[in-house]
Protein backbone atom coordinates (compact mmCIF):
# COMPACT_ATOMS: atom_id res chain seq x y z
CA MET A 1 -51.41 -8.57 56.22
CA PHE A 2 -48.34 -9.54 58.23
CA PHE A 3 -44.55 -9.13 57.93
CA PHE A 4 -42.12 -11.95 57.96
CA VAL A 5 -38.31 -11.63 58.54
CA GLY A 6 -36.48 -14.72 57.29
CA ASP A 7 -34.66 -16.21 54.38
CA ALA A 8 -36.17 -14.78 51.24
CA GLU A 9 -34.25 -17.41 49.21
CA ASN A 10 -36.00 -20.36 51.08
CA LEU A 11 -39.32 -19.09 52.10
CA PRO A 12 -41.09 -21.60 54.43
CA PHE A 13 -44.52 -21.36 52.79
CA GLU A 14 -46.52 -23.45 50.45
CA GLY A 15 -46.60 -22.66 46.91
CA GLU A 16 -49.08 -20.06 45.58
CA THR A 17 -49.73 -18.77 49.07
CA PHE A 18 -49.61 -14.93 48.55
CA LYS A 19 -51.20 -12.47 46.49
CA PHE A 20 -48.44 -9.84 47.01
CA GLY A 21 -45.02 -9.89 48.32
CA VAL A 22 -42.62 -7.01 49.43
CA GLN A 23 -38.81 -7.12 49.86
CA LEU A 24 -36.63 -4.14 50.54
CA GLU A 25 -32.82 -3.48 50.72
CA SER A 26 -31.56 -6.99 50.94
CA ARG A 27 -28.33 -8.69 49.71
CA HIS A 28 -28.81 -12.21 48.33
CA PRO A 29 -25.98 -14.61 47.95
CA ASP A 30 -28.01 -15.92 44.82
CA ILE A 31 -30.58 -13.47 43.61
CA HIS A 32 -31.96 -16.19 41.33
CA LYS A 33 -32.91 -18.30 44.33
CA PHE A 34 -34.82 -15.17 45.76
CA TYR A 35 -36.64 -14.77 42.38
CA ASP A 36 -37.50 -18.58 42.34
CA SER A 37 -38.76 -18.46 46.03
CA MET A 38 -41.09 -15.54 45.47
CA TYR A 39 -42.33 -17.01 42.10
CA ARG A 40 -43.14 -20.18 43.93
CA VAL A 41 -45.13 -18.59 46.66
CA LEU A 42 -47.14 -16.14 44.79
CA LYS A 43 -50.38 -16.93 43.33
CA THR A 44 -50.43 -16.89 39.41
CA GLY A 45 -50.82 -13.51 38.01
CA ASP A 46 -49.94 -11.67 41.31
CA HIS A 47 -47.21 -9.10 42.33
CA ILE A 48 -43.93 -8.59 43.96
CA GLN A 49 -42.58 -5.16 44.82
CA TYR A 50 -39.06 -5.08 45.77
CA GLY A 51 -36.16 -2.55 46.09
CA ASP A 52 -32.76 -4.00 46.19
CA MET A 53 -29.00 -2.97 46.00
CA LEU A 54 -28.30 -4.43 42.50
CA PRO A 55 -25.50 -3.24 40.23
CA THR A 56 -27.21 -1.45 37.26
CA ASP A 57 -24.98 -3.05 34.56
CA LYS A 58 -26.73 -6.41 35.64
CA TRP A 59 -30.36 -5.19 35.38
CA GLN A 60 -31.03 -6.60 31.99
CA ASP A 61 -29.80 -10.04 32.96
CA TYR A 62 -32.01 -9.97 36.23
CA ASP A 63 -35.01 -8.77 34.17
CA GLN A 64 -34.55 -11.47 31.59
CA TYR A 65 -34.47 -14.02 34.35
CA LEU A 66 -37.74 -12.56 35.92
CA ILE A 67 -39.46 -12.68 32.42
CA SER A 68 -38.23 -16.36 32.20
CA LEU A 69 -40.15 -17.18 35.21
CA SER A 70 -43.36 -15.34 33.80
CA PHE A 71 -43.08 -12.16 35.81
CA GLU A 72 -44.13 -9.06 33.92
CA ILE A 73 -41.96 -6.00 34.74
CA LEU A 74 -44.08 -3.05 35.26
CA CYS A 75 -41.44 -0.71 36.53
CA ASN A 76 -37.59 -0.69 36.88
CA GLN A 77 -36.14 2.40 38.39
CA ASP A 78 -32.66 3.64 39.80
CA ILE A 79 -33.49 5.28 42.91
CA THR A 80 -30.11 6.20 44.00
């Protein structure tokens, strides 16, 4: 296991490199780029866990985008 601090929207790793990704409390200029980047570097069928400062009225849109990338949403919770 290692930790990496960098640009989550342009991860400098080969595709399907990781089995698990974690991202916490970030602001993304383009959240879709973050989702695309994580999808690219995760191995097929593996997981991401992230907590972010997102407007709750946009959750459904974000969930639909994740589903369109073939992510399965296991939990979605407002922790404020």
